[in-house]
Amino acid sequence: MKLFYSNNSPYARKIRILIDEKKVPVTLEKVVLADKNCTIHEYNPLAKVPILVINDISIFDSPVIAEYVDYKSGPLYLIPSDFDKKILVKRWEALADGLCDASVAIMLEKRRPISQQNTDVFEKQMRKIKLSLQRLNEEIEDKEYYLEGTFSYADIAVGCALGYVKLRYPEIDFKNEYLNLYHLHEELMKRQSFQATAPEPYL
């Protein structure tokens, strides 16, 4: 198996962490999506990462890859087989991905010439970020991990989203505004898988 990823993609980081946690033998190949010679579209017509290639089949996007990797690698499962628990995990992943989507939308808008930037985009997307952080902060409460206090893919997804938000918007004061998430992120960063895949500033 081969996983295509880009360095600071929070979506790809989720899969890299899952692979690390479950000790799955995978070849990692970093790509630069902005490179005009990047041929990633040959594996995914949407030209987005992550992509998991197994023989002649490519799997995308991150929620689908996560299901495949977790199921195929066997116990201990980080996405529960129990339906109700699985929905809770996938729900947190959806919030995490939406948080990343909003963060990326602001970043892309900032890349436009100042005269063409739309302040409504900034306000709308930042509102999504703050409301999502507030909801996640309330739901984690004072638990070490989200799902019954046990480490799961929900924590991986949200941990990657928090890492990306902290990278792009260091002005957000997690310790004072979202203390429960601050503690969750601190706990996750003790894990080797999170340390090895930490976002690199300005990339």
N, C-alpha and C. Protein backbone atom coordinates (compact mmCIF):
# COMPACT_ATOMS: atom_id res chain seq x y z
N MET A 1 0.84 -1.20 0.00
CA MET A 1 0.00 0.00 0.00
C MET A 1 0.87 1.24 0.00
N LYS A 2 0.38 2.27 -0.66
CA LYS A 2 1.09 3.56 -0.69
C LYS A 2 0.10 4.67 -0.35
N LEU A 3 0.55 5.59 0.51
CA LEU A 3 -0.28 6.73 0.88
C LEU A 3 0.36 8.00 0.34
N PHE A 4 -0.38 8.72 -0.48
CA PHE A 4 0.04 10.04 -0.95
C PHE A 4 -0.49 11.08 0.03
N TYR A 5 0.38 12.00 0.43
CA TYR A 5 -0.03 13.02 1.39
C TYR A 5 0.74 14.31 1.11
N SER A 6 0.24 15.41 1.63
CA SER A 6 1.00 16.67 1.61
C SER A 6 1.31 17.03 3.06
N ASN A 7 2.36 17.78 3.24
CA ASN A 7 2.98 17.93 4.56
C ASN A 7 2.03 18.42 5.64
N ASN A 8 1.27 19.47 5.36
CA ASN A 8 0.46 20.07 6.42
C ASN A 8 -1.03 19.81 6.26
N SER A 9 -1.40 18.88 5.40
CA SER A 9 -2.82 18.56 5.24
C SER A 9 -3.34 17.88 6.49
N PRO A 10 -4.32 18.49 7.18
CA PRO A 10 -4.88 17.84 8.37
C PRO A 10 -5.67 16.59 8.01
N TYR A 11 -6.19 16.55 6.78
CA TYR A 11 -6.94 15.38 6.32
C TYR A 11 -5.99 14.18 6.15
N ALA A 12 -4.84 14.44 5.56
CA ALA A 12 -3.84 13.38 5.40
C ALA A 12 -3.20 13.01 6.73
N ARG A 13 -3.05 13.99 7.60
CA ARG A 13 -2.44 13.70 8.90
C ARG A 13 -3.26 12.70 9.70
N LYS A 14 -4.58 12.80 9.60
CA LYS A 14 -5.45 11.83 10.27
C LYS A 14 -5.06 10.40 9.90
N ILE A 15 -4.84 10.19 8.62
CA ILE A 15 -4.53 8.84 8.13
C ILE A 15 -3.12 8.44 8.53
N ARG A 16 -2.19 9.36 8.48
CA ARG A 16 -0.82 9.05 8.89
C ARG A 16 -0.78 8.63 10.36
N ILE A 17 -1.57 9.31 11.19
CA ILE A 17 -1.62 8.96 12.61
C ILE A 17 -2.29 7.61 12.81
N LEU A 18 -3.38 7.38 12.11
CA LEU A 18 -4.08 6.09 12.21
C LEU A 18 -3.16 4.95 11.81
N ILE A 19 -2.42 5.14 10.73
CA ILE A 19 -1.47 4.13 10.26
C ILE A 19 -0.39 3.87 11.30
N ASP A 20 0.11 4.94 11.89
CA ASP A 20 1.14 4.83 12.92
C ASP A 20 0.60 4.10 14.15
N GLU A 21 -0.57 4.51 14.62
CA GLU A 21 -1.16 3.91 15.82
C GLU A 21 -1.43 2.41 15.63
N LYS A 22 -1.80 2.02 14.43
CA LYS A 22 -2.15 0.62 14.19
C LYS A 22 -1.02 -0.18 13.56
N LYS A 23 0.13 0.47 13.39
CA LYS A 23 1.34 -0.21 12.90
C LYS A 23 1.10 -0.89 11.55
N VAL A 24 0.49 -0.15 10.65
CA VAL A 24 0.19 -0.67 9.32
C VAL A 24 1.37 -0.40 8.39
N PRO A 25 1.87 -1.43 7.70
CA PRO A 25 2.99 -1.22 6.77
C PRO A 25 2.52 -0.51 5.49
N VAL A 26 2.86 0.75 5.38
CA VAL A 26 2.45 1.56 4.23
C VAL A 26 3.64 2.40 3.77
N THR A 27 3.80 2.53 2.47
CA THR A 27 4.80 3.43 1.91
C THR A 27 4.20 4.83 1.85
N LEU A 28 4.90 5.80 2.43
CA LEU A 28 4.42 7.19 2.42
C LEU A 28 5.11 7.95 1.30
N GLU A 29 4.33 8.67 0.51
CA GLU A 29 4.90 9.51 -0.55
C GLU A 29 4.33 10.92 -0.45
N LYS A 30 5.23 11.85 -0.13
CA LYS A 30 4.82 13.25 0.01
C LYS A 30 4.73 13.90 -1.36
N VAL A 31 3.68 14.68 -1.57
CA VAL A 31 3.50 15.41 -2.82
C VAL A 31 3.32 16.89 -2.53
N VAL A 32 3.64 17.70 -3.51
CA VAL A 32 3.42 19.14 -3.43
C VAL A 32 2.34 19.49 -4.44
N LEU A 33 1.15 19.74 -3.95
CA LEU A 33 0.01 19.93 -4.85
C LEU A 33 0.17 21.14 -5.75
N ALA A 34 0.93 22.14 -5.29
CA ALA A 34 1.11 23.36 -6.08
C ALA A 34 2.10 23.16 -7.23
N ASP A 35 2.84 22.07 -7.20
CA ASP A 35 3.82 21.78 -8.25
C ASP A 35 3.09 21.44 -9.54
N LYS A 36 3.39 22.16 -10.61
CA LYS A 36 2.69 21.93 -11.87
C LYS A 36 2.97 20.55 -12.45
N ASN A 37 4.05 19.92 -11.97
CA ASN A 37 4.38 18.58 -12.45
C ASN A 37 3.79 17.47 -11.58
N CYS A 38 3.03 17.86 -10.58
CA CYS A 38 2.40 16.88 -9.70
C CYS A 38 1.37 16.06 -10.49
N THR A 39 1.47 14.76 -10.39
CA THR A 39 0.60 13.87 -11.18
C THR A 39 -0.46 13.17 -10.33
N ILE A 40 -0.79 13.78 -9.21
CA ILE A 40 -1.71 13.15 -8.27
C ILE A 40 -3.09 12.88 -8.89
N HIS A 41 -3.45 13.68 -9.91
CA HIS A 41 -4.76 13.49 -10.55
C HIS A 41 -4.88 12.13 -11.23
N GLU A 42 -3.74 11.49 -11.47
CA GLU A 42 -3.79 10.15 -12.06
C GLU A 42 -4.39 9.13 -11.09
N TYR A 43 -4.30 9.44 -9.81
CA TYR A 43 -4.83 8.55 -8.78
C TYR A 43 -6.17 9.04 -8.23
N ASN A 44 -6.36 10.35 -8.25
CA ASN A 44 -7.62 10.94 -7.79
C ASN A 44 -7.95 12.09 -8.73
N PRO A 45 -9.01 11.98 -9.52
CA PRO A 45 -9.35 13.04 -10.48
C PRO A 45 -9.62 14.38 -9.81
N LEU A 46 -9.89 14.38 -8.50
CA LEU A 46 -10.10 15.62 -7.77
C LEU A 46 -8.78 16.27 -7.37
N ALA A 47 -7.67 15.54 -7.57
CA ALA A 47 -6.33 16.04 -7.25
C ALA A 47 -6.21 16.50 -5.79
N LYS A 48 -6.76 15.69 -4.90
CA LYS A 48 -6.72 15.99 -3.46
C LYS A 48 -6.08 14.83 -2.72
N VAL A 49 -5.45 15.15 -1.60
CA VAL A 49 -4.89 14.12 -0.73
C VAL A 49 -5.67 14.11 0.58
N PRO A 50 -5.63 12.98 1.26
CA PRO A 50 -4.82 11.78 1.03
C PRO A 50 -5.43 10.84 0.00
N ILE A 51 -4.56 9.99 -0.54
CA ILE A 51 -4.98 8.92 -1.44
C ILE A 51 -4.24 7.66 -1.01
N LEU A 52 -4.97 6.59 -0.84
CA LEU A 52 -4.36 5.30 -0.52
C LEU A 52 -4.46 4.41 -1.76
N VAL A 53 -3.31 3.95 -2.24
CA VAL A 53 -3.27 3.11 -3.44
C VAL A 53 -2.98 1.67 -3.02
N ILE A 54 -3.86 0.78 -3.40
CA ILE A 54 -3.71 -0.65 -3.11
C ILE A 54 -3.76 -1.39 -4.43
N ASN A 55 -2.61 -1.92 -4.83
CA ASN A 55 -2.50 -2.54 -6.15
C ASN A 55 -2.91 -1.52 -7.21
N ASP A 56 -3.99 -1.76 -7.93
CA ASP A 56 -4.42 -0.83 -8.98
C ASP A 56 -5.62 0.00 -8.57
N ILE A 57 -5.97 -0.04 -7.29
CA ILE A 57 -7.14 0.69 -6.82
C ILE A 57 -6.70 1.84 -5.92
N SER A 58 -7.24 3.02 -6.16
CA SER A 58 -6.95 4.17 -5.30
C SER A 58 -8.20 4.51 -4.50
N ILE A 59 -7.99 4.76 -3.20
CA ILE A 59 -9.10 5.05 -2.28
C ILE A 59 -8.97 6.48 -1.78
N PHE A 60 -10.06 7.20 -1.80
CA PHE A 60 -10.12 8.57 -1.30
C PHE A 60 -11.56 8.83 -0.89
N ASP A 61 -11.87 9.80 -0.01
CA ASP A 61 -10.96 10.69 0.70
C ASP A 61 -10.73 10.17 2.11
N SER A 62 -10.34 11.05 3.05
CA SER A 62 -9.88 10.58 4.35
C SER A 62 -10.89 9.74 5.15
N PRO A 63 -12.19 10.09 5.19
CA PRO A 63 -13.12 9.23 5.94
C PRO A 63 -13.19 7.81 5.39
N VAL A 64 -13.12 7.68 4.08
CA VAL A 64 -13.17 6.36 3.44
C VAL A 64 -11.89 5.59 3.72
N ILE A 65 -10.75 6.27 3.58
CA ILE A 65 -9.46 5.63 3.84
C ILE A 65 -9.38 5.16 5.29
N ALA A 66 -9.85 6.00 6.21
CA ALA A 66 -9.80 5.65 7.63
C ALA A 66 -10.59 4.37 7.91
N GLU A 67 -11.77 4.28 7.33
CA GLU A 67 -12.60 3.07 7.51
C GLU A 67 -11.85 1.84 6.98
N TYR A 68 -11.24 2.00 5.82
CA TYR A 68 -10.54 0.87 5.19
C TYR A 68 -9.36 0.43 6.05
N VAL A 69 -8.53 1.38 6.43
CA VAL A 69 -7.32 1.06 7.20
C VAL A 69 -7.68 0.43 8.54
N ASP A 70 -8.64 1.02 9.24
CA ASP A 70 -8.99 0.52 10.57
C ASP A 70 -9.58 -0.89 10.48
N TYR A 71 -10.44 -1.11 9.51
CA TYR A 71 -11.08 -2.42 9.39
C TYR A 71 -10.09 -3.49 8.95
N LYS A 72 -9.29 -3.19 7.93
CA LYS A 72 -8.38 -4.17 7.37
C LYS A 72 -7.23 -4.52 8.31
N SER A 73 -6.86 -3.58 9.18
CA SER A 73 -5.72 -3.83 10.08
C SER A 73 -6.14 -4.58 11.33
N GLY A 74 -7.44 -4.76 11.54
CA GLY A 74 -7.92 -5.58 12.64
C GLY A 74 -7.88 -4.89 13.99
N PRO A 75 -8.21 -5.65 15.05
CA PRO A 75 -8.25 -5.07 16.41
C PRO A 75 -6.86 -4.56 16.81
N LEU A 76 -6.83 -3.63 17.70
CA LEU A 76 -7.91 -2.93 18.37
C LEU A 76 -8.45 -1.83 17.46
N TYR A 77 -9.77 -1.84 17.24
CA TYR A 77 -10.35 -0.90 16.30
C TYR A 77 -10.47 0.49 16.93
N LEU A 78 -10.11 1.51 16.15
CA LEU A 78 -10.25 2.90 16.60
C LEU A 78 -11.55 3.52 16.11
N ILE A 79 -12.19 2.86 15.16
CA ILE A 79 -13.56 3.20 14.76
C ILE A 79 -14.43 2.04 15.23
N PRO A 80 -15.27 2.25 16.23
CA PRO A 80 -16.02 1.14 16.84
C PRO A 80 -16.92 0.42 15.85
N SER A 81 -17.09 -0.88 16.06
CA SER A 81 -18.03 -1.64 15.24
C SER A 81 -19.47 -1.43 15.71
N ASP A 82 -19.63 -1.12 17.00
CA ASP A 82 -20.96 -0.80 17.53
C ASP A 82 -21.51 0.43 16.80
N PHE A 83 -22.69 0.30 16.22
CA PHE A 83 -23.21 1.35 15.33
C PHE A 83 -23.34 2.70 16.03
N ASP A 84 -23.94 2.72 17.21
CA ASP A 84 -24.17 3.98 17.91
C ASP A 84 -22.86 4.67 18.26
N LYS A 85 -21.88 3.89 18.70
CA LYS A 85 -20.57 4.46 19.03
C LYS A 85 -19.85 4.94 17.77
N LYS A 86 -20.01 4.17 16.70
CA LYS A 86 -19.39 4.56 15.43
C LYS A 86 -19.94 5.90 14.95
N ILE A 87 -21.24 6.09 15.07
CA ILE A 87 -21.85 7.35 14.65
C ILE A 87 -21.29 8.51 15.45
N LEU A 88 -21.07 8.32 16.74
CA LEU A 88 -20.48 9.38 17.56
C LEU A 88 -19.08 9.74 17.07
N VAL A 89 -18.31 8.72 16.72
CA VAL A 89 -16.95 8.96 16.21
C VAL A 89 -17.00 9.67 14.87
N LYS A 90 -17.85 9.21 13.96
CA LYS A 90 -17.93 9.82 12.63
C LYS A 90 -18.50 11.24 12.71
N ARG A 91 -19.37 11.46 13.67
CA ARG A 91 -19.92 12.81 13.87
C ARG A 91 -18.81 13.77 14.27
N TRP A 92 -17.93 13.33 15.16
CA TRP A 92 -16.80 14.19 15.56
C TRP A 92 -15.85 14.40 14.39
N GLU A 93 -15.68 13.37 13.58
CA GLU A 93 -14.84 13.53 12.39
C GLU A 93 -15.44 14.58 11.45
N ALA A 94 -16.76 14.55 11.30
CA ALA A 94 -17.43 15.53 10.43
C ALA A 94 -17.21 16.95 10.94
N LEU A 95 -17.31 17.14 12.26
CA LEU A 95 -17.05 18.46 12.84
C LEU A 95 -15.61 18.87 12.63
N ALA A 96 -14.70 17.92 12.80
CA ALA A 96 -13.28 18.20 12.62
C ALA A 96 -12.98 18.59 11.18
N ASP A 97 -13.54 17.85 10.23
CA ASP A 97 -13.31 18.16 8.82
C ASP A 97 -13.92 19.51 8.45
N GLY A 98 -15.10 19.82 9.00
CA GLY A 98 -15.70 21.12 8.74
C GLY A 98 -14.87 22.25 9.30
N LEU A 99 -14.26 22.01 10.45
CA LEU A 99 -13.36 22.99 11.06
C LEU A 99 -12.17 23.25 10.15
N CYS A 100 -11.63 22.18 9.58
CA CYS A 100 -10.51 22.32 8.64
C CYS A 100 -10.95 23.02 7.36
N ASP A 101 -12.13 22.66 6.86
CA ASP A 101 -12.65 23.29 5.64
C ASP A 101 -12.76 24.81 5.81
N ALA A 102 -13.28 25.24 6.95
CA ALA A 102 -13.43 26.67 7.21
C ALA A 102 -12.07 27.35 7.31
N SER A 103 -11.13 26.68 7.94
CA SER A 103 -9.78 27.24 8.09
C SER A 103 -9.10 27.39 6.73
N VAL A 104 -9.27 26.39 5.88
CA VAL A 104 -8.69 26.44 4.54
C VAL A 104 -9.35 27.54 3.71
N ALA A 105 -10.66 27.71 3.84
CA ALA A 105 -11.38 28.75 3.09
C ALA A 105 -10.83 30.13 3.40
N ILE A 106 -10.54 30.39 4.67
CA ILE A 106 -9.96 31.69 5.05
C ILE A 106 -8.57 31.83 4.47
N MET A 107 -7.78 30.78 4.57
CA MET A 107 -6.41 30.83 4.06
C MET A 107 -6.41 31.13 2.56
N LEU A 108 -7.29 30.49 1.81
CA LEU A 108 -7.35 30.71 0.36
C LEU A 108 -7.81 32.13 0.03
N GLU A 109 -8.75 32.64 0.82
CA GLU A 109 -9.22 34.01 0.59
C GLU A 109 -8.10 35.01 0.84
N LYS A 110 -7.26 34.74 1.84
CA LYS A 110 -6.15 35.63 2.16
C LYS A 110 -5.09 35.65 1.06
N ARG A 111 -5.07 34.63 0.22
CA ARG A 111 -4.09 34.57 -0.86
C ARG A 111 -4.50 35.43 -2.05
N ARG A 112 -5.75 35.87 -2.06
CA ARG A 112 -6.21 36.75 -3.14
C ARG A 112 -5.64 38.15 -2.93
N PRO A 113 -5.52 38.94 -4.00
CA PRO A 113 -5.10 40.33 -3.81
C PRO A 113 -6.02 41.03 -2.81
N ILE A 114 -5.46 41.89 -1.98
CA ILE A 114 -6.23 42.54 -0.92
C ILE A 114 -7.49 43.21 -1.47
N SER A 115 -7.36 43.82 -2.64
CA SER A 115 -8.50 44.53 -3.23
C SER A 115 -9.64 43.59 -3.62
N GLN A 116 -9.34 42.29 -3.74
CA GLN A 116 -10.35 41.32 -4.16
C GLN A 116 -10.85 40.45 -3.01
N GLN A 117 -10.28 40.64 -1.82
CA GLN A 117 -10.68 39.82 -0.68
C GLN A 117 -12.07 40.22 -0.19
N ASN A 118 -12.81 39.22 0.23
CA ASN A 118 -14.19 39.41 0.69
C ASN A 118 -14.24 39.24 2.21
N THR A 119 -14.49 40.33 2.92
CA THR A 119 -14.53 40.26 4.38
C THR A 119 -15.67 39.38 4.88
N ASP A 120 -16.73 39.25 4.08
CA ASP A 120 -17.84 38.38 4.47
C ASP A 120 -17.38 36.92 4.58
N VAL A 121 -16.44 36.54 3.71
CA VAL A 121 -15.90 35.18 3.76
C VAL A 121 -15.17 34.96 5.07
N PHE A 122 -14.32 35.93 5.44
CA PHE A 122 -13.58 35.82 6.70
C PHE A 122 -14.53 35.68 7.89
N GLU A 123 -15.53 36.54 7.93
CA GLU A 123 -16.46 36.54 9.07
C GLU A 123 -17.28 35.25 9.13
N LYS A 124 -17.76 34.81 7.99
CA LYS A 124 -18.59 33.60 7.94
C LYS A 124 -17.80 32.37 8.36
N GLN A 125 -16.59 32.24 7.80
CA GLN A 125 -15.79 31.05 8.10
C GLN A 125 -15.24 31.07 9.52
N MET A 126 -14.86 32.25 10.01
CA MET A 126 -14.36 32.33 11.39
C MET A 126 -15.48 32.02 12.38
N ARG A 127 -16.71 32.40 12.03
CA ARG A 127 -17.84 32.06 12.90
C ARG A 127 -18.00 30.54 12.97
N LYS A 128 -17.84 29.87 11.84
CA LYS A 128 -17.91 28.41 11.82
C LYS A 128 -16.83 27.80 12.71
N ILE A 129 -15.63 28.37 12.62
CA ILE A 129 -14.52 27.86 13.42
C ILE A 129 -14.82 27.99 14.91
N LYS A 130 -15.26 29.17 15.31
CA LYS A 130 -15.50 29.42 16.74
C LYS A 130 -16.66 28.60 17.28
N LEU A 131 -17.73 28.47 16.49
CA LEU A 131 -18.87 27.67 16.93
C LEU A 131 -18.50 26.18 17.02
N SER A 132 -17.68 25.73 16.08
CA SER A 132 -17.25 24.33 16.10
C SER A 132 -16.36 24.06 17.30
N LEU A 133 -15.43 24.97 17.57
CA LEU A 133 -14.56 24.82 18.74
C LEU A 133 -15.38 24.82 20.02
N GLN A 134 -16.36 25.70 20.07
CA GLN A 134 -17.22 25.78 21.26
C GLN A 134 -17.97 24.46 21.48
N ARG A 135 -18.53 23.91 20.40
CA ARG A 135 -19.28 22.66 20.51
C ARG A 135 -18.37 21.50 20.94
N LEU A 136 -17.22 21.40 20.32
CA LEU A 136 -16.28 20.33 20.67
C LEU A 136 -15.80 20.47 22.11
N ASN A 137 -15.55 21.71 22.51
CA ASN A 137 -15.08 21.97 23.87
C ASN A 137 -16.13 21.54 24.90
N GLU A 138 -17.40 21.78 24.58
CA GLU A 138 -18.48 21.38 25.48
C GLU A 138 -18.63 19.86 25.54
N GLU A 139 -18.47 19.21 24.41
CA GLU A 139 -18.73 17.78 24.35
C GLU A 139 -17.61 16.93 24.95
N ILE A 140 -16.38 17.39 24.89
CA ILE A 140 -15.29 16.61 25.47
C ILE A 140 -15.34 16.69 26.99
N GLU A 141 -15.96 17.76 27.50
CA GLU A 141 -16.07 17.98 28.95
C GLU A 141 -14.68 17.89 29.58
N ASP A 142 -14.56 17.14 30.67
CA ASP A 142 -13.25 17.01 31.31
C ASP A 142 -12.67 15.61 31.13
N LYS A 143 -13.16 14.91 30.08
CA LYS A 143 -12.68 13.55 29.81
C LYS A 143 -11.30 13.60 29.16
N GLU A 144 -10.53 12.55 29.39
CA GLU A 144 -9.22 12.47 28.75
C GLU A 144 -9.37 12.33 27.24
N TYR A 145 -10.32 11.47 26.84
CA TYR A 145 -10.64 11.28 25.43
C TYR A 145 -12.16 11.30 25.26
N TYR A 146 -12.61 11.49 24.02
CA TYR A 146 -14.02 11.77 23.78
C TYR A 146 -14.94 10.57 24.04
N LEU A 147 -14.67 9.43 23.44
CA LEU A 147 -15.60 8.30 23.47
C LEU A 147 -15.38 7.46 24.73
N GLU A 148 -16.18 7.73 25.74
CA GLU A 148 -16.11 7.00 27.00
C GLU A 148 -14.72 7.06 27.62
N GLY A 149 -14.01 8.15 27.36
CA GLY A 149 -12.68 8.33 27.93
C GLY A 149 -11.60 7.47 27.30
N THR A 150 -11.94 6.80 26.17
CA THR A 150 -11.00 5.89 25.50
C THR A 150 -10.54 6.49 24.18
N PHE A 151 -9.25 6.39 23.89
CA PHE A 151 -8.68 6.91 22.65
C PHE A 151 -9.33 6.25 21.45
N SER A 152 -9.77 7.09 20.50
CA SER A 152 -10.41 6.58 19.29
C SER A 152 -10.09 7.50 18.11
N TYR A 153 -10.61 7.11 16.95
CA TYR A 153 -10.40 7.92 15.75
C TYR A 153 -11.03 9.30 15.88
N ALA A 154 -12.03 9.44 16.74
CA ALA A 154 -12.62 10.77 16.98
C ALA A 154 -11.56 11.73 17.50
N ASP A 155 -10.74 11.26 18.42
CA ASP A 155 -9.68 12.11 18.97
C ASP A 155 -8.62 12.43 17.93
N ILE A 156 -8.32 11.45 17.07
CA ILE A 156 -7.36 11.69 16.00
C ILE A 156 -7.85 12.80 15.08
N ALA A 157 -9.11 12.69 14.65
CA ALA A 157 -9.67 13.67 13.72
C ALA A 157 -9.69 15.07 14.32
N VAL A 158 -10.19 15.19 15.54
CA VAL A 158 -10.26 16.50 16.17
C VAL A 158 -8.86 17.01 16.52
N GLY A 159 -7.99 16.12 16.95
CA GLY A 159 -6.62 16.54 17.26
C GLY A 159 -5.92 17.13 16.05
N CYS A 160 -6.13 16.55 14.88
CA CYS A 160 -5.53 17.08 13.65
C CYS A 160 -6.14 18.43 13.28
N ALA A 161 -7.44 18.57 13.47
CA ALA A 161 -8.09 19.85 13.20
C ALA A 161 -7.57 20.93 14.14
N LEU A 162 -7.41 20.59 15.41
CA LEU A 162 -6.88 21.57 16.37
C LEU A 162 -5.46 21.97 16.01
N GLY A 163 -4.65 21.01 15.60
CA GLY A 163 -3.29 21.32 15.21
C GLY A 163 -3.24 22.26 14.03
N TYR A 164 -4.16 22.07 13.08
CA TYR A 164 -4.19 22.93 11.89
C TYR A 164 -4.66 24.33 12.25
N VAL A 165 -5.69 24.42 13.07
CA VAL A 165 -6.19 25.74 13.49
C VAL A 165 -5.13 26.49 14.28
N LYS A 166 -4.43 25.79 15.16
CA LYS A 166 -3.37 26.43 15.95
C LYS A 166 -2.24 26.91 15.05
N LEU A 167 -1.97 26.18 13.97
CA LEU A 167 -0.93 26.58 13.02
C LEU A 167 -1.33 27.84 12.27
N ARG A 168 -2.56 27.88 11.77
CA ARG A 168 -3.01 28.98 10.91
C ARG A 168 -3.49 30.20 11.69
N TYR A 169 -4.01 29.96 12.89
CA TYR A 169 -4.60 31.08 13.66
C TYR A 169 -4.08 31.06 15.10
N PRO A 170 -2.79 31.36 15.27
CA PRO A 170 -2.19 31.31 16.61
C PRO A 170 -2.80 32.32 17.57
N GLU A 171 -3.57 33.27 17.05
CA GLU A 171 -4.19 34.26 17.92
C GLU A 171 -5.35 33.68 18.73
N ILE A 172 -5.85 32.51 18.35
CA ILE A 172 -6.92 31.88 19.13
C ILE A 172 -6.33 31.35 20.43
N ASP A 173 -6.88 31.81 21.53
CA ASP A 173 -6.36 31.47 22.86
C ASP A 173 -7.09 30.24 23.41
N PHE A 174 -6.58 29.08 23.07
CA PHE A 174 -7.26 27.85 23.48
C PHE A 174 -7.30 27.70 25.00
N LYS A 175 -6.23 28.06 25.67
CA LYS A 175 -6.15 27.81 27.11
C LYS A 175 -7.22 28.59 27.87
N ASN A 176 -7.54 29.78 27.39
CA ASN A 176 -8.53 30.62 28.07
C ASN A 176 -9.94 30.48 27.50
N GLU A 177 -10.04 30.15 26.20
CA GLU A 177 -11.35 30.10 25.56
C GLU A 177 -11.90 28.68 25.41
N TYR A 178 -11.02 27.71 25.22
CA TYR A 178 -11.45 26.33 24.98
C TYR A 178 -10.57 25.39 25.79
N LEU A 179 -10.69 25.50 27.10
CA LEU A 179 -9.76 24.80 28.00
C LEU A 179 -9.80 23.29 27.83
N ASN A 180 -10.99 22.73 27.64
CA ASN A 180 -11.09 21.28 27.49
C ASN A 180 -10.36 20.80 26.24
N LEU A 181 -10.49 21.56 25.16
CA LEU A 181 -9.78 21.21 23.92
C LEU A 181 -8.28 21.41 24.09
N TYR A 182 -7.91 22.42 24.84
CA TYR A 182 -6.49 22.66 25.12
C TYR A 182 -5.90 21.43 25.80
N HIS A 183 -6.61 20.90 26.80
CA HIS A 183 -6.12 19.72 27.52
C HIS A 183 -6.09 18.49 26.60
N LEU A 184 -7.11 18.35 25.75
CA LEU A 184 -7.13 17.22 24.82
C LEU A 184 -5.93 17.27 23.89
N HIS A 185 -5.66 18.45 23.34
CA HIS A 185 -4.54 18.57 22.41
C HIS A 185 -3.21 18.31 23.10
N GLU A 186 -3.07 18.81 24.32
CA GLU A 186 -1.85 18.56 25.09
C GLU A 186 -1.66 17.05 25.32
N GLU A 187 -2.73 16.36 25.63
CA GLU A 187 -2.66 14.92 25.87
C GLU A 187 -2.30 14.17 24.59
N LEU A 188 -2.92 14.56 23.49
CA LEU A 188 -2.65 13.90 22.21
C LEU A 188 -1.21 14.11 21.77
N MET A 189 -0.66 15.29 22.04
CA MET A 189 0.70 15.59 21.62
C MET A 189 1.75 14.82 22.41
N LYS A 190 1.33 14.07 23.41
CA LYS A 190 2.26 13.17 24.12
C LYS A 190 2.48 11.88 23.34
N ARG A 191 1.59 11.62 22.38
CA ARG A 191 1.67 10.38 21.61
C ARG A 191 2.68 10.53 20.48
N GLN A 192 3.45 9.50 20.25
CA GLN A 192 4.49 9.54 19.22
C GLN A 192 3.90 9.83 17.84
N SER A 193 2.72 9.29 17.57
CA SER A 193 2.10 9.47 16.26
C SER A 193 1.77 10.93 15.98
N PHE A 194 1.36 11.66 17.00
CA PHE A 194 1.06 13.08 16.84
C PHE A 194 2.33 13.90 16.74
N GLN A 195 3.33 13.55 17.52
CA GLN A 195 4.60 14.28 17.47
C GLN A 195 5.26 14.14 16.10
N ALA A 196 5.23 12.93 15.54
CA ALA A 196 5.91 12.66 14.28
C ALA A 196 5.24 13.33 13.09
N THR A 197 3.98 13.70 13.23
CA THR A 197 3.23 14.29 12.11
C THR A 197 2.83 15.74 12.36
N ALA A 198 3.42 16.35 13.38
CA ALA A 198 3.04 17.73 13.74
C ALA A 198 3.22 18.67 12.56
N PRO A 199 2.27 19.61 12.36
CA PRO A 199 2.39 20.58 11.26
C PRO A 199 3.66 21.41 11.39
N GLU A 200 4.20 21.76 10.24
CA GLU A 200 5.40 22.58 10.21
C GLU A 200 5.02 24.01 9.82
N PRO A 201 5.40 24.99 10.61
CA PRO A 201 5.02 26.38 10.33
C PRO A 201 5.42 26.83 8.93
N TYR A 202 4.49 27.57 8.33
CA TYR A 202 4.71 28.25 7.06
C TYR A 202 4.84 27.32 5.87
N LEU A 203 4.43 26.06 6.01
CA LEU A 203 4.47 25.16 4.86
C LEU A 203 3.06 24.97 4.31
